[in-house]
Structure formats: structure tokens, C-alpha cells
Protein backbone atom coordinates (compact mmCIF):
# COMPACT_ATOMS: atom_id res chain seq x y z
CA MET A 1 0.00 0.00 0.00
CA GLU A 2 1.16 3.54 -0.71
CA VAL A 3 -0.57 6.60 0.80
CA ASP A 4 0.10 10.21 1.67
CA VAL A 5 -0.73 9.88 5.37
CA ALA A 6 -1.04 6.89 7.69
CA VAL A 7 -2.85 7.42 11.00
CA VAL A 8 -2.31 4.81 13.71
CA GLY A 9 -5.34 4.68 16.01
CA SER A 10 -9.04 5.47 15.58
CA GLY A 11 -9.90 7.56 18.65
CA ALA A 12 -10.67 11.28 18.67
CA ALA A 13 -7.07 12.29 17.97
CA GLY A 14 -6.55 9.84 15.12
CA LEU A 15 -9.86 10.48 13.36
CA SER A 16 -9.45 14.24 13.71
CA ALA A 17 -5.97 13.99 12.18
CA ALA A 18 -7.24 11.80 9.34
CA LEU A 19 -10.14 14.14 8.52
CA SER A 20 -7.95 17.23 8.71
CA ALA A 21 -5.45 15.73 6.27
CA ALA A 22 -8.06 14.22 3.94
CA VAL A 23 -10.03 17.46 3.53
CA ARG A 24 -6.78 19.08 2.44
CA GLY A 25 -6.29 16.55 -0.30
CA ALA A 26 -4.29 13.75 1.30
CA ASP A 27 -4.82 10.07 0.59
CA VAL A 28 -5.25 8.69 4.13
CA VAL A 29 -5.34 5.25 5.71
CA ILE A 30 -6.39 4.71 9.34
CA LEU A 31 -4.94 1.61 11.00
CA GLU A 32 -6.73 0.36 14.11
CA LYS A 33 -5.17 -2.37 16.23
CA SER A 34 -8.50 -3.59 17.59
CA GLY A 35 -11.49 -5.04 15.79
CA LEU A 36 -13.50 -2.11 17.20
CA LEU A 37 -13.25 1.61 16.45
CA GLY A 38 -13.10 4.69 18.64
CA GLY A 39 -10.78 3.63 21.45
CA THR A 40 -11.09 5.42 24.78
CA SER A 41 -12.87 8.32 23.06
CA ALA A 42 -15.88 6.13 22.26
CA MET A 43 -16.11 5.14 25.92
CA SER A 44 -15.93 8.72 27.17
CA GLY A 45 -18.60 11.17 28.24
CA GLY A 46 -17.60 13.35 25.29
CA GLY A 47 -16.83 16.49 27.31
CA THR A 48 -14.72 18.77 25.11
CA TRP A 49 -12.87 21.74 26.65
CA ILE A 50 -12.46 24.43 23.98
CA PRO A 51 -11.60 28.01 25.05
CA CYS A 52 -12.77 30.98 22.94
CA ASN A 53 -15.26 28.84 21.04
CA ARG A 54 -17.86 30.31 18.69
CA ILE A 55 -20.76 28.55 20.39
CA ALA A 56 -20.09 30.29 23.70
CA ARG A 57 -19.48 33.58 21.91
CA GLU A 58 -22.87 33.35 20.20
CA ALA A 59 -24.43 32.76 23.61
CA GLY A 60 -22.91 36.03 24.84
CA ILE A 61 -20.10 34.50 26.91
CA GLU A 62 -16.90 36.52 26.72
CA ASP A 63 -13.56 34.79 26.30
CA SER A 64 -10.30 35.55 24.53
CA PRO A 65 -7.03 33.82 23.62
CA ASP A 66 -5.26 36.05 26.15
CA ASP A 67 -7.67 34.95 28.89
CA ALA A 68 -7.17 31.31 27.92
CA MET A 69 -3.38 31.60 28.04
CA ARG A 70 -3.46 33.42 31.38
CA TYR A 71 -5.63 30.64 32.76
CA LEU A 72 -3.36 27.88 31.45
CA ARG A 73 -0.34 29.57 33.04
CA ALA A 74 -2.15 30.01 36.35
CA ALA A 75 -3.82 26.58 36.46
CA SER A 76 -1.00 24.32 35.23
CA PRO A 77 1.69 22.77 37.45
CA GLU A 78 4.55 25.00 38.46
CA GLY A 79 7.38 25.04 35.93
CA TRP A 80 5.41 23.60 33.02
CA SER A 81 5.17 26.94 31.26
CA ALA A 82 8.90 26.82 30.48
CA THR A 83 8.49 23.78 28.24
CA ASP A 84 4.82 23.62 27.29
CA GLU A 85 3.73 27.20 26.65
CA PRO A 86 4.33 26.95 22.87
CA LEU A 87 2.03 23.91 22.80
CA TRP A 88 -0.60 25.69 24.94
CA GLN A 89 -0.50 28.59 22.51
CA SER A 90 -0.89 26.28 19.53
CA PHE A 91 -3.86 24.59 21.22
CA VAL A 92 -5.54 27.92 22.00
CA ASP A 93 -4.89 29.18 18.46
CA HIS A 94 -6.46 26.10 16.83
CA ALA A 95 -9.11 24.76 19.25
CA SER A 96 -12.07 26.92 18.22
CA GLU A 97 -11.02 26.66 14.56
CA MET A 98 -11.06 22.88 14.95
CA ILE A 99 -14.68 22.86 16.23
CA ASP A 100 -15.77 25.00 13.28
CA PHE A 101 -13.91 22.64 10.95
CA LEU A 102 -15.65 19.56 12.37
CA GLU A 103 -19.08 21.16 12.09
CA ALA A 104 -18.32 22.19 8.50
CA HIS A 105 -17.12 18.76 7.38
CA SER A 106 -19.13 16.27 9.45
CA ALA A 107 -22.59 15.68 10.86
CA LEU A 108 -21.29 16.62 14.31
CA ARG A 109 -22.88 19.51 16.15
CA PHE A 110 -21.73 20.67 19.54
CA GLN A 111 -23.76 22.13 22.38
CA PRO A 112 -22.59 24.13 25.41
CA VAL A 113 -22.31 22.63 28.89
CA ASP A 114 -23.04 24.89 31.83
CA GLU A 115 -19.95 24.00 33.86
CA PRO A 116 -17.24 26.30 35.21
CA ASP A 117 -13.52 25.83 34.85
CA PRO A 118 -12.31 23.71 37.80
CA MET A 119 -10.05 26.58 38.90
CA ALA A 120 -12.28 29.43 37.75
CA GLU A 121 -10.94 31.74 40.48
CA ARG A 122 -7.48 31.76 38.94
CA GLU A 123 -6.46 34.42 36.45
CA GLY A 124 -8.23 33.92 33.13
CA GLY A 125 -10.65 31.32 34.55
CA LYS A 126 -14.29 31.37 33.45
CA PRO A 127 -17.54 30.45 35.23
CA GLY A 128 -18.78 28.72 32.06
CA GLY A 129 -18.66 28.54 28.28
CA ARG A 130 -15.52 26.54 27.62
CA GLN A 131 -16.94 23.04 27.75
CA LEU A 132 -18.85 21.60 24.80
CA THR A 133 -20.38 18.20 24.14
CA PRO A 134 -21.63 16.45 20.98
CA SER A 135 -25.35 16.67 20.29
CA LEU A 136 -27.39 13.55 19.57
CA LEU A 137 -26.45 11.77 16.36
CA ASN A 138 -27.73 8.68 14.61
CA ARG A 139 -25.06 6.03 14.50
CA ARG A 140 -25.98 5.35 10.85
CA VAL A 141 -23.89 8.37 9.85
CA ALA A 142 -20.88 6.07 10.27
CA GLY A 143 -22.19 3.79 7.53
CA PRO A 144 -20.78 0.25 7.68
CA TYR A 145 -18.51 1.25 10.55
CA ALA A 146 -21.47 1.94 12.87
CA ARG A 147 -21.54 -1.64 14.14
CA LEU A 148 -17.81 -1.45 14.97
CA ILE A 149 -17.98 1.56 17.31
CA ARG A 150 -16.71 0.52 20.72
CA ARG A 151 -19.40 0.50 23.39
CA SER A 152 -19.02 2.35 26.67
CA THR A 153 -19.39 1.55 30.36
CA VAL A 154 -21.56 4.68 30.79
CA PRO A 155 -24.95 5.57 29.22
CA GLN A 156 -24.51 6.78 25.65
CA SER A 157 -28.14 7.34 24.65
CA LEU A 158 -28.38 10.42 26.85
CA THR A 159 -26.43 13.60 26.23
CA TYR A 160 -23.88 14.86 28.73
CA ASN A 161 -26.32 17.59 29.74
CA GLU A 162 -29.14 15.09 30.26
CA VAL A 163 -26.95 12.87 32.43
CA LYS A 164 -26.16 15.89 34.60
CA LYS A 165 -29.72 17.22 34.69
CA TYR A 166 -31.36 13.94 35.69
CA ARG A 167 -28.50 12.80 37.97
CA VAL A 168 -28.36 9.39 36.33
CA TYR A 169 -25.62 8.03 38.60
CA GLU A 170 -26.97 9.41 41.88
CA GLN A 171 -30.68 8.75 41.24
CA PRO A 172 -31.00 6.01 38.61
CA VAL A 173 -34.64 5.18 39.49
CA TYR A 174 -35.71 8.82 39.15
CA ALA A 175 -33.74 9.10 35.91
CA ALA A 176 -35.34 5.94 34.52
CA VAL A 177 -38.80 7.35 35.18
CA ALA A 178 -37.94 10.78 33.81
CA VAL A 179 -36.15 9.73 30.62
CA GLY A 180 -36.81 6.00 30.27
CA ALA A 181 -39.15 6.32 27.28
CA ARG A 182 -36.77 8.72 25.58
CA TRP A 183 -33.86 6.36 26.17
CA LEU A 184 -35.76 3.36 24.77
CA TYR A 185 -36.77 5.30 21.67
CA ARG A 186 -33.20 6.36 21.01
CA MET A 187 -31.95 2.81 21.47
CA ALA A 188 -34.53 1.62 18.95
CA VAL A 189 -33.70 4.19 16.25
CA GLY A 190 -29.92 4.25 16.83
CA GLU A 191 -29.51 7.73 18.33
CA ILE A 192 -26.34 8.09 20.37
CA ALA A 193 -24.60 10.83 22.33
CA CYS A 194 -21.35 11.60 24.15
CA GLY A 195 -18.20 9.79 22.99
CA GLN A 196 -19.98 7.38 20.68
CA ALA A 197 -21.67 10.25 18.82
CA LEU A 198 -18.28 11.94 18.51
CA VAL A 199 -16.70 8.84 17.01
CA ALA A 200 -19.67 8.12 14.72
CA GLY A 201 -19.58 11.65 13.32
CA LEU A 202 -15.82 11.51 12.74
CA LEU A 203 -16.00 8.07 11.12
CA GLY A 204 -18.75 9.21 8.75
CA ALA A 205 -16.78 12.29 7.78
CA CYS A 206 -13.56 10.32 7.21
CA ARG A 207 -15.44 7.82 5.07
CA ALA A 208 -16.99 10.63 3.01
CA GLN A 209 -13.50 12.04 2.38
CA GLY A 210 -12.25 8.69 1.08
CA CYS A 211 -10.17 7.59 4.07
CA ARG A 212 -9.51 3.86 4.19
CA ILE A 213 -10.01 2.21 7.57
CA VAL A 214 -8.31 -1.08 8.41
CA THR A 215 -9.15 -2.91 11.64
CA ASN A 216 -7.14 -5.64 13.37
CA ALA A 217 -4.04 -3.90 12.03
CA ARG A 218 -1.44 -3.68 14.76
CA VAL A 219 1.55 -1.62 13.62
CA GLU A 220 4.74 -3.51 14.39
CA ALA A 221 7.38 -1.09 13.11
CA LEU A 222 8.00 2.32 11.62
CA LEU A 223 10.21 2.44 8.53
CA GLN A 224 12.87 5.13 8.40
CA ASP A 225 15.20 6.39 5.72
CA PRO A 226 18.65 5.07 6.75
CA ASP A 227 20.38 8.33 5.82
CA THR A 228 17.99 10.98 7.19
CA GLY A 229 15.97 9.07 9.77
CA ARG A 230 12.76 10.33 8.19
CA VAL A 231 9.74 8.07 8.72
CA ASP A 232 8.57 7.02 5.28
CA GLY A 233 6.47 3.95 6.02
CA LEU A 234 5.34 1.35 8.49
CA ARG A 235 4.63 -2.32 8.76
CA TYR A 236 1.52 -3.87 10.30
CA GLY A 237 0.10 -7.34 10.77
CA SER A 238 1.64 -10.55 12.00
CA PRO A 239 5.36 -11.28 11.52
CA ASP A 240 4.37 -14.18 9.25
CA ASN A 241 2.09 -12.06 7.07
CA PRO A 242 3.12 -8.40 7.29
CA THR A 243 1.77 -5.55 5.19
CA THR A 244 4.07 -2.67 4.30
CA VAL A 245 2.66 0.82 3.85
CA ARG A 246 4.80 3.40 2.07
CA VAL A 247 3.99 6.92 3.23
CA ARG A 248 4.67 9.99 1.11
CA GLN A 249 3.91 12.70 3.67
CA GLY A 250 3.97 11.19 7.14
CA VAL A 251 2.65 9.05 9.98
CA VAL A 252 0.48 10.21 12.88
CA LEU A 253 0.71 8.16 16.07
CA ALA A 254 -2.60 8.38 17.95
CA THR A 255 -2.70 5.03 19.75
CA GLY A 256 -3.76 6.21 23.21
CA GLY A 257 -2.05 5.42 26.50
CA PHE A 258 0.05 2.56 27.84
CA GLU A 259 -1.96 1.73 30.98
CA TRP A 260 -2.68 -1.87 29.95
CA ASP A 261 1.03 -2.69 29.64
CA ARG A 262 1.59 -3.89 33.18
CA ALA A 263 5.36 -3.41 33.13
CA MET A 264 5.13 0.15 31.81
CA LEU A 265 2.35 1.00 34.27
CA ALA A 266 4.33 -0.34 37.24
CA CYS A 267 7.41 1.56 36.10
CA HIS A 268 5.68 4.95 35.92
CA PHE A 269 2.82 4.49 38.43
CA SER A 270 4.13 2.46 41.32
CA GLY A 271 1.71 1.74 44.14
CA PRO A 272 -1.96 0.77 44.16
CA VAL A 273 -4.10 1.17 41.04
CA ASP A 274 -7.72 0.15 41.57
CA ARG A 275 -9.08 -0.12 38.04
CA LEU A 276 -8.46 0.87 34.44
CA GLY A 277 -11.22 2.54 32.44
CA SER A 278 -9.94 2.29 28.87
CA PRO A 279 -9.83 -0.47 26.23
CA ASN A 280 -7.38 -3.24 27.08
CA THR A 281 -5.68 -2.62 23.73
CA ASN A 282 -4.02 0.51 25.16
CA THR A 283 -0.65 -1.14 25.65
CA GLY A 284 1.66 1.69 24.61
CA ASP A 285 2.16 0.78 20.96
CA GLY A 286 2.63 4.41 19.93
CA GLN A 287 5.04 5.10 22.76
CA LYS A 288 7.15 2.08 21.85
CA LEU A 289 7.18 2.94 18.15
CA ALA A 290 8.17 6.54 18.87
CA ALA A 291 10.95 5.50 21.25
CA GLU A 292 12.35 3.08 18.67
CA ALA A 293 12.35 5.92 16.13
CA GLY A 294 14.50 8.04 18.48
CA ALA A 295 11.85 10.29 20.05
CA SER A 296 12.28 12.12 23.33
CA MET A 297 9.85 10.39 25.73
CA GLU A 298 8.42 12.69 28.37
CA ARG A 299 5.53 13.13 30.85
CA MET A 300 5.37 9.37 31.30
CA ASP A 301 4.18 9.83 34.89
CA GLN A 302 1.05 11.75 33.82
CA ALA A 303 -2.45 10.30 33.38
CA ASN A 304 -6.15 10.95 33.50
CA VAL A 305 -6.59 9.78 37.10
CA TYR A 306 -10.23 9.57 38.09
CA ALA A 307 -12.60 7.86 40.49
CA THR A 308 -14.28 4.75 39.10
CA LEU A 309 -16.80 2.18 40.20
CA PRO A 310 -16.31 -1.48 39.33
CA THR A 311 -18.40 -2.66 36.40
CA ARG A 312 -18.41 -5.55 33.93
CA TYR A 313 -16.94 -4.87 30.51
CA GLU A 314 -15.89 -7.43 27.91
CA GLY A 315 -16.15 -10.22 30.47
CA ALA A 316 -14.00 -8.66 33.20
CA VAL A 317 -14.18 -6.09 36.01
CA HIS A 318 -13.51 -2.66 34.57
CA GLY A 319 -13.53 0.95 35.79
CA MET A 320 -16.65 3.08 35.19
CA PRO A 321 -15.97 6.82 35.74
CA ALA A 322 -18.16 8.23 38.54
CA MET A 323 -17.70 11.12 40.98
CA PHE A 324 -19.25 9.20 43.88
CA HIS A 325 -16.76 10.81 46.26
CA ALA A 326 -18.48 14.21 45.87
CA SER A 327 -21.00 13.37 48.57
CA PRO A 328 -21.70 15.34 51.79
CA HIS A 329 -21.32 12.52 54.29
CA CYS A 330 -17.87 11.18 53.38
CA ILE A 331 -14.21 12.13 53.53
CA ALA A 332 -11.07 10.75 51.88
CA VAL A 333 -8.25 9.63 54.18
CA ASP A 334 -4.77 8.31 53.53
CA ARG A 335 -3.14 5.26 55.06
CA ASN A 336 -2.50 7.28 58.25
CA GLY A 337 -6.14 8.22 58.66
CA HIS A 338 -5.64 11.87 57.63
CA ARG A 339 -7.55 13.92 55.06
CA PHE A 340 -5.40 15.25 52.20
CA VAL A 341 -7.76 16.96 49.73
CA SER A 342 -11.21 18.45 49.30
CA GLU A 343 -13.40 15.56 48.27
CA TYR A 344 -15.24 17.82 45.79
CA ASP A 345 -12.02 18.90 44.03
CA TYR A 346 -12.22 18.13 40.30
CA ASN A 347 -8.51 17.24 40.41
CA ILE A 348 -8.79 14.81 43.29
CA GLY A 349 -7.00 12.30 41.03
CA GLU A 350 -3.90 14.49 41.11
CA ALA A 351 -3.96 14.39 44.90
CA LEU A 352 -4.32 10.61 44.90
CA ASP A 353 -1.32 10.37 42.59
CA ARG A 354 0.89 12.82 44.50
CA ARG A 355 4.42 11.40 44.79
CA ASP A 356 7.25 11.65 47.30
CA PRO A 357 9.90 13.77 45.49
CA ALA A 358 12.69 11.62 46.93
CA THR A 359 11.33 8.14 46.22
CA GLY A 360 8.62 8.67 43.62
CA GLU A 361 6.23 6.56 45.71
CA PRO A 362 2.63 7.70 46.32
CA LEU A 363 2.27 9.83 49.43
CA HIS A 364 -1.34 9.04 50.30
CA LEU A 365 -2.00 5.51 49.10
CA PRO A 366 -3.65 3.27 50.01
CA ALA A 367 -6.57 5.66 50.49
CA TRP A 368 -10.17 5.19 51.62
CA LEU A 369 -13.45 7.03 51.52
CA ILE A 370 -15.00 7.05 55.00
CA GLY A 371 -18.72 7.67 55.36
CA ASP A 372 -21.83 6.81 57.30
CA ARG A 373 -25.09 5.20 56.23
CA ARG A 374 -26.21 8.36 54.43
CA PHE A 375 -23.21 8.12 52.15
CA LEU A 376 -24.06 4.49 51.51
CA ASN A 377 -27.64 5.45 50.65
CA HIS A 378 -26.53 8.27 48.36
CA SER A 379 -26.79 6.12 45.25
CA MET A 380 -28.38 2.78 44.47
CA LEU A 381 -25.95 2.46 41.56
CA PHE A 382 -23.02 2.77 43.95
CA ARG A 383 -24.29 -0.06 46.16
CA PHE A 384 -25.02 -2.28 43.17
CA LYS A 385 -21.61 -1.78 41.57
CA ALA A 386 -19.81 -2.34 44.88
CA ARG A 387 -20.97 -5.97 44.82
CA LEU A 388 -18.89 -6.65 41.72
CA GLU A 389 -15.57 -6.31 43.51
CA PRO A 390 -14.95 -8.09 46.83
CA GLY A 391 -13.26 -5.83 49.38
CA PHE A 392 -14.27 -2.62 47.59
CA LEU A 393 -16.70 -1.69 50.39
CA VAL A 394 -16.28 -2.43 54.10
CA ARG A 395 -18.93 -1.86 56.80
CA ALA A 396 -18.65 -1.67 60.58
CA ARG A 397 -20.72 -0.63 63.61
CA THR A 398 -18.05 1.74 64.96
CA LEU A 399 -15.23 3.84 63.54
CA ALA A 400 -12.72 1.90 65.65
CA GLU A 401 -13.90 -1.39 64.19
CA LEU A 402 -13.79 0.09 60.69
CA ALA A 403 -10.25 1.37 61.21
CA ALA A 404 -9.07 -2.09 62.25
CA MET A 405 -10.65 -3.65 59.17
CA ILE A 406 -8.82 -1.31 56.76
CA ASP A 407 -5.53 -1.12 58.71
CA VAL A 408 -5.77 2.60 59.53
CA PRO A 409 -4.75 3.95 63.00
CA PRO A 410 -8.07 4.10 64.91
CA ASP A 411 -7.17 7.13 67.04
CA ALA A 412 -6.10 9.11 63.98
CA LEU A 413 -9.28 8.23 62.10
CA ALA A 414 -11.45 9.18 65.09
CA ARG A 415 -9.70 12.56 65.39
CA THR A 416 -10.05 13.20 61.65
CA VAL A 417 -13.77 12.46 61.65
CA GLU A 418 -14.30 14.53 64.80
CA ARG A 419 -12.46 17.47 63.25
CA PHE A 420 -14.46 17.22 60.03
CA ASN A 421 -17.74 17.03 61.96
CA GLY A 422 -16.71 20.23 63.71
CA PHE A 423 -16.25 21.92 60.34
CA VAL A 424 -19.72 20.73 59.37
CA ALA A 425 -21.20 22.37 62.46
CA GLU A 426 -19.37 25.61 61.67
CA GLY A 427 -20.26 25.49 57.96
CA HIS A 428 -16.61 25.95 56.91
CA ASP A 429 -13.92 23.40 56.08
CA GLU A 430 -10.87 25.02 57.62
CA ASP A 431 -8.44 22.50 56.13
CA PHE A 432 -9.49 22.27 52.46
CA GLN A 433 -12.35 24.79 52.00
CA ARG A 434 -14.62 22.08 50.67
CA GLY A 435 -17.64 23.42 48.82
CA GLU A 436 -16.37 27.01 48.59
CA SER A 437 -14.78 27.34 45.13
CA VAL A 438 -16.83 28.12 42.03
CA TRP A 439 -16.46 24.51 40.84
CA GLU A 440 -17.28 22.95 44.21
CA ARG A 441 -20.32 25.18 44.72
CA TYR A 442 -21.51 24.03 41.31
CA MET A 443 -20.89 20.37 42.17
CA SER A 444 -22.72 20.58 45.50
CA GLY A 445 -25.72 22.39 44.03
CA HIS A 446 -25.13 25.49 46.13
CA ASP A 447 -27.87 27.95 45.23
CA GLY A 448 -26.19 31.03 46.68
CA GLY A 449 -28.09 30.90 49.96
CA ALA A 450 -26.84 30.20 53.45
CA GLY A 451 -25.11 26.98 54.41
CA ASN A 452 -22.69 24.66 52.65
CA PRO A 453 -24.41 21.63 51.06
CA ALA A 454 -21.02 19.99 50.42
CA LEU A 455 -20.59 19.38 54.15
CA GLY A 456 -22.39 16.60 56.01
CA ALA A 457 -21.46 14.96 59.30
CA ILE A 458 -20.22 11.37 59.57
CA GLU A 459 -22.04 10.10 62.64
CA LYS A 460 -24.78 7.59 61.82
CA PRO A 461 -23.79 3.91 61.81
CA PRO A 462 -23.11 1.67 60.10
CA PHE A 463 -19.88 3.32 59.05
CA VAL A 464 -18.39 2.40 55.70
CA ALA A 465 -14.99 2.48 54.03
CA CYS A 466 -14.64 2.39 50.27
CA ARG A 467 -11.27 1.61 48.68
CA PHE A 468 -10.20 4.82 46.93
CA ASN A 469 -6.89 4.46 45.16
CA ARG A 470 -6.02 5.69 41.69
CA SER A 471 -8.05 4.56 38.72
CA ILE A 472 -6.62 5.43 35.33
CA LEU A 473 -8.70 6.31 32.28
CA GLY A 474 -5.61 6.85 30.14
CA THR A 475 -1.94 7.66 30.60
CA LYS A 476 -0.74 10.93 29.10
CA GLY A 477 2.94 10.45 28.43
CA GLY A 478 4.79 9.74 25.23
CA ALA A 479 6.74 11.38 22.43
CA ARG A 480 7.60 15.04 22.90
CA THR A 481 6.24 17.15 20.04
CA ASN A 482 6.63 20.72 18.93
CA ALA A 483 3.77 23.18 18.38
CA ALA A 484 3.10 21.68 14.93
CA GLY A 485 2.65 18.14 16.29
CA GLN A 486 6.01 16.95 14.92
CA VAL A 487 7.88 14.42 17.06
CA VAL A 488 11.28 15.59 18.26
CA ARG A 489 14.44 13.88 19.44
CA PRO A 490 16.11 14.55 22.83
CA ASP A 491 18.25 17.23 21.16
CA GLY A 492 15.14 19.02 19.87
CA THR A 493 15.55 18.13 16.21
CA VAL A 494 12.50 16.94 14.30
CA ILE A 495 12.04 13.32 13.22
CA GLY A 496 10.87 13.94 9.69
CA GLY A 497 7.51 12.48 8.72
CA LEU A 498 6.48 11.55 12.30
CA TYR A 499 3.63 13.25 14.18
CA CYS A 500 1.88 12.41 17.42
CA ALA A 501 -1.42 13.42 19.04
CA GLY A 502 -3.68 12.62 21.99
CA ASN A 503 -2.64 10.37 24.86
CA ALA A 504 0.25 8.94 22.86
CA MET A 505 2.11 12.27 23.03
CA ALA A 506 3.82 14.00 25.94
CA ASN A 507 0.58 15.70 26.83
CA PRO A 508 0.99 19.42 27.63
CA PHE A 509 -1.91 19.27 30.14
CA GLY A 510 -0.95 16.13 32.02
CA THR A 511 -2.70 14.81 35.10
CA ARG A 512 -4.06 18.17 36.21
CA ALA A 513 -7.27 18.92 34.30
CA VAL A 514 -7.69 22.63 33.59
CA GLY A 515 -11.27 21.97 32.51
CA SER A 516 -13.86 19.23 32.32
CA GLY A 517 -13.00 17.80 28.92
CA THR A 518 -9.26 18.48 28.84
CA THR A 519 -8.64 15.05 27.40
CA ILE A 520 -11.05 15.02 24.45
CA GLY A 521 -10.69 18.75 23.60
CA PRO A 522 -6.89 18.60 23.23
CA CYS A 523 -7.06 15.18 21.51
CA LEU A 524 -9.31 16.57 18.80
CA THR A 525 -7.26 19.75 18.52
CA TRP A 526 -3.87 18.07 18.32
CA GLY A 527 -5.18 15.64 15.73
CA TYR A 528 -6.42 18.62 13.71
CA ILE A 529 -3.04 20.36 14.09
CA CYS A 530 -1.18 17.25 12.91
CA GLY A 531 -3.42 16.85 9.86
CA LEU A 532 -3.05 20.52 9.04
CA ASN A 533 0.74 20.56 9.26
CA ILE A 534 1.47 17.16 7.76
CA THR A 535 -0.21 18.26 4.52
CA ARG A 536 0.93 21.87 4.48
CA GLU A 537 3.89 21.31 2.17
CA ASN A 538 1.98 19.00 -0.16
CA ILE A 539 -1.47 20.54 -0.31
CA ARG A 540 -3.49 20.62 -3.52
CA PRO A 541 -3.89 24.16 -4.84
CA ASP A 542 -7.67 24.01 -4.42
CA ALA A 543 -7.90 22.00 -1.21
CA ASP A 544 -7.44 24.74 1.40
CA ALA A 545 -10.32 26.75 -0.01
CA GLY A 546 -12.70 23.98 0.95
CA ALA A 547 -11.13 23.15 4.31
CA GLY A 548 -13.31 25.46 6.36
CA ASN A 549 -10.40 27.51 7.71
CA PRO A 550 -11.22 30.97 9.05
């Protein structure tokens, strides 16, 4: 096979890259390792963080590239600006353009989500407008690929906004009554939302542009010019029956994370990991290919760390994303029985993953959620899912008995609970200001009146402990790229013909989420950037006029 562009992976980053290149005249093949399409993106809630987007602007919400950059500088980990600011700027410059491009060249339509930035108080932060989500779409837009879209562990017949409005996870019975008929109708006619709608729309658009899609095509090697090191092809398939693809313009690696490679995960994430929430095909293929090609491998200790409930997926226990920890009558404690974070913090995963600078070992793990019977009654779904994993939930008549069962110092746990209950009585969490930020007021349903609905005492037995270590929805480390998506070597020089996007790259946002949707939004944008730049030197004279560029 000979093509202009080969894209490895069929998630949001890969499909966005393929569409971006194909619209500009490239002959594109998409190679997917699995027999299913969409990767982690198809399993996601579809939240898409896009600053300065047109949809928010049309709704009267003010934003600007300067505000977005100020926020990224203020919200990102200390020191990251020195290396990642050029990539932040490229993301901000292209993100809104990318959304307009997708709406111009696919059946996808995006709707706003009324959620604030998780750190809206910081410079450049916004109380809303930056998160988008795909609108409902019929899976038939993907044509013959519709039946190959990977299913999710979360409901995909309701939009992100409907899931929030009807509190599907917290009140499944109420939600079933409120939207059950709607859900059944959509199931019958093939209407989908969230990550599956995103993938269906991208697949349909890629198909319309003539992209070839090959499943069960694991890429085994990149081919490089022996004199220049430029990537000019790849080989996929079994060693006994390989297929060689010659590539005229370049290769985009968009294979997702490496979390299902146990050795790689243990190397970069030592300590307890409860569950993984991505496809088990995410074994670091892109990272390994890039390293073999001479790429600088960075941010390998970064990931989308989230809370999950155990669920069944493809015959095994899997992680289903759920913010069950944002509940009034519970606290998170470390192995010493001490709180270490606000339980309503959007970036609680970063706190769970915090490392000892000297040893690299987790500081707070193993960790537990401690609550009383009101926490246990918070969600029927929570209690049902807990039965799938022995040891996930522990119950006891007293806090002392509970502490002994989970190997936490009983005196320390008693003091921690007593201190928290005192904060509840005062209406102010002195240690972590739980429920007081813009994000946490939103999460707790604070209506602006008196009181703090995020705070609830832990005092009514039985007391419960829920195992609360890291769950990983996708690692975020890989090949270092420049602002054009080109993969670079340790000395900063470009590996010709090699691009990388999504969770396969050294992600410039890392573990700390600057917005709800800072995985999908950047994945789509970096795919778009790669497709744009990989074709720039070889574009047809008439192609750019139809590409939907501002």
C-alpha cells in the first residue's frame, strides 16, 4: 500500500488527524489495532474543553485567547510553562477553529455545557462557556462502521447535559422514570450521544473524504530512511504475514495510552491502582514505536486519574468513571487516617497520585473514603456496583472497628472524623475549603443561599470504608512534540515524517485537568493540528479553499 498519510489509532485524535489531512487533499489510511473503532474516546462522556469557542461567543459569553493563556499559566503545574507554553498557545490558536472545521465537514454539532472551569478563580478562569459536548447523532452516519464503534461503560443514549440534569448516577430510578421512554426510543432508532456520537460523526466524515479504515491492524514497526531518519512507512500485521505501507507525507501516532502494559504502568505508576477505564488494547504501541524511532519520551508519569466504580466490561471487572466521592457525608483519608484533599475537588485524582519527590512513591496511598449510612444510601448504583468487587466496600458498627478492618490507625481516624464534623457544624472546612470554590459550589448544588451543602457529618452507623486508590482512564505520556505536532528527538531536532497526538504524546496538560474535557478537547485539537501541518507542504492548490479555515 502507498498513501500520503497513515494514522495509527481510531480515537478522537486519530480520526481528527485523518479528517484534517483528507479534507486538504491527502490520501489517508487509518490503521486500528482492535477489531472495534473509537478507542477510549468512544467510551468517554464526550466532554470537550475548547476556550474561545464560537458557540459560547454566540451565547454572549466573553472569552479571549489572552484569557485562555493566562488561565493555562495560572492553572498548570509550576514550571510547566517553560516547556509547554508553545504547545498551549498552539492549542488555543487552533481549538475553536477545529470545532468549526468539524461542524463544517461532518454531521457533528456541539452544544454548550453549563460548567465552570475547575479553577475558575485563577487568572483567566471562566464560570462557564468553555466546555462543549456532541449533540445527539444517529449512528448510521458512520455507515458500515457503525456496528464497529466501541461501546461504553456509561450511558450513551443520553447527552452529557441530560446525564447531569437527571442525575443518572446518583438517582437512577428517578432518571429511569424521567427519561426511560426517551432512552428506549433512542436505542430503537440508533440515536447516540457523548463519545460514541463523537466517534460516529468523525467516522462518517472520514469515510466521506475517502479515508480507508483497516481494523485488526497492529503496527509492528516504523520504517525510516537510513540516511535521514525520516519516517517514510510502516509495517503492520503478524510477523508471518506483514503488510508494508509506504507513506509519502507522514505518519500520525494516535494510539492512546500505555496503561494496559503492566510493566510500563508499574514503572511509571508504582503503588496501588484500583481499576483501568480504557480499552485493554491501550498497551503503549505508539510510545514504543516513537521510542524506537528516536523520540524524546516525556511526561510518562502523567495520566487521567479519576474515580471509578467497578463494572463488567468485555467479560471482566472494569472501571466506570463516577464522581461518587463528591458526597456530603464522606471524607477521603490516607493510610495514616488523615484527610489530604477536598473531596469535591475536580482534580482529586492528582492528589491521589501525589508522589514523594525523593522516592517517587505515592504519598497518600492506600486511600479510603470514609462515610456513614447516608453516604451508603446516596446512590443505588453505587451499592449495586460495589458488589462486583470483593473488598471494595467495608462496613462496621463503629469507627474503631472500621479502622481495624482497613488497617488505619483508629485514634487518627477518630480525630479526623471529629475534626471534620466540627467543620460541618461551623459550615466551613478550615483545612481544604470544601464546597467554597466556584467549581465545588456548582458540584454541590449550592444555590447562593446560606449553608454549605457539600458538608455533612459522619455520625450515623453503620460506618463504611470504600477503597479509593487511583483509577486510570488513560496515561498521558509519550513522544515530545513541537507546536506543529512533529515528534522531536532529545536534542530538539525533528524526526521527519512523524507526528503524534492525543494520549500517545507528551501531553501538555498532564494529570491536572484545567477543565472538564481536557482530554477530548486537546485530543481533537492536536489531531487537527497534525493533519493541518502534515499536509501543508503538499497541499493541492484548491484544497485549502474547501477546508473550512477561518
